[in-house]
Each structure stands twice: as structure tokens, then as C-alpha cells.
Amino acid sequence: MHGKVRARLRALVTRMRRDAGMVTSEYAMGIIAAVAFAVLLYEVVTSGEVKTELQNIVKKALSART
């Protein structure tokens, strides 16, 4: 009985060692994707047309009477 438990435990440890680097690479890819999305969003928001529209919305909101 103990031999089967040890064999299963060894197999589990071996599997865990093989997957150890996966988490780091997945985080790295997630960070790269998030940065790329942030750059794209920044470019869109700071473009001339969008910037003008955002300024108009803020001006309208600040000058609104309640």
C-alpha cells in the first residue's frame, strides 16, 4: 500500500515541477497584453478628435445648472 502512495506522490511532484514555469510565463504574457492595451487606449484618448470631445463633455458638465 505504501508503495502505491509513494508512486502517486512522486508522479504528482514530477508534474508540479514541470508546470512550475508556466505561471510566470502566463503572468508575463498578461502584463504584455495589458501594457499594449493601455498604450492603445492612451493613443485613442489623446488623439485630436477624442480629446476635443472629452473637453467638451467636461465643459458642459461643469457649466450645467441644477
Protein backbone atom coordinates (compact mmCIF):
# COMPACT_ATOMS: atom_id res chain seq x y z
CA MET A 1 0.00 0.00 0.00
CA HIS A 2 2.75 2.46 0.91
CA GLY A 3 4.48 1.80 -2.40
CA LYS A 4 1.40 2.92 -4.37
CA VAL A 5 1.06 6.09 -2.30
CA ARG A 6 4.73 6.91 -2.79
CA ALA A 7 4.48 6.32 -6.54
CA ARG A 8 1.46 8.60 -6.80
CA LEU A 9 3.16 11.26 -4.70
CA ARG A 10 6.29 11.05 -6.85
CA ALA A 11 4.19 11.40 -10.01
CA LEU A 12 2.40 14.43 -8.55
CA VAL A 13 5.67 16.10 -7.57
CA THR A 14 7.09 15.46 -11.05
CA ARG A 15 4.02 17.02 -12.68
CA MET A 16 4.20 20.05 -10.42
CA ARG A 17 7.87 20.60 -11.24
CA ARG A 18 7.13 20.53 -14.98
CA ASP A 19 4.41 23.19 -14.65
CA ALA A 20 6.37 25.50 -12.32
CA GLY A 21 7.48 27.87 -15.10
CA MET A 22 4.04 28.12 -16.66
CA VAL A 23 2.68 30.55 -14.11
CA THR A 24 5.50 33.06 -14.63
CA SER A 25 5.17 32.99 -18.41
CA GLU A 26 1.41 33.40 -18.19
CA TYR A 27 1.82 36.44 -15.94
CA ALA A 28 4.38 37.89 -18.35
CA MET A 29 2.03 37.48 -21.31
CA GLY A 30 -0.80 39.04 -19.32
CA ILE A 31 1.35 42.05 -18.42
CA ILE A 32 2.45 42.49 -22.03
CA ALA A 33 -1.16 42.38 -23.22
CA ALA A 34 -2.25 44.86 -20.53
CA VAL A 35 0.53 47.30 -21.44
CA ALA A 36 -0.29 47.03 -25.14
CA PHE A 37 -3.96 47.73 -24.40
CA ALA A 38 -3.02 50.70 -22.19
CA VAL A 39 -0.84 52.17 -24.96
CA LEU A 40 -3.63 51.73 -27.49
CA LEU A 41 -6.17 53.33 -25.15
CA TYR A 42 -3.80 56.22 -24.43
CA GLU A 43 -3.31 56.83 -28.15
CA VAL A 44 -7.06 56.87 -28.76
CA VAL A 45 -7.85 59.13 -25.82
CA THR A 46 -5.11 61.64 -26.65
CA SER A 47 -5.99 61.82 -30.35
CA GLY A 48 -7.28 65.20 -31.51
CA GLU A 49 -10.95 64.34 -32.04
CA VAL A 50 -11.41 62.33 -28.87
CA LYS A 51 -9.54 64.89 -26.79
CA THR A 52 -11.78 67.68 -28.10
CA GLU A 53 -14.93 65.69 -27.40
CA LEU A 54 -13.80 64.84 -23.87
CA GLN A 55 -13.04 68.51 -23.21
CA ASN A 56 -16.50 69.49 -24.50
CA ILE A 57 -18.15 66.93 -22.21
CA VAL A 58 -16.24 68.22 -19.18
CA LYS A 59 -17.03 71.86 -20.02
CA LYS A 60 -20.71 71.02 -20.48
CA ALA A 61 -20.79 69.14 -17.17
CA LEU A 62 -19.08 71.95 -15.28
CA SER A 63 -21.34 74.64 -16.71
CA ALA A 64 -24.59 72.72 -16.15
CA ARG A 65 -27.09 74.32 -13.81
CA THR A 66 -29.03 72.21 -11.37
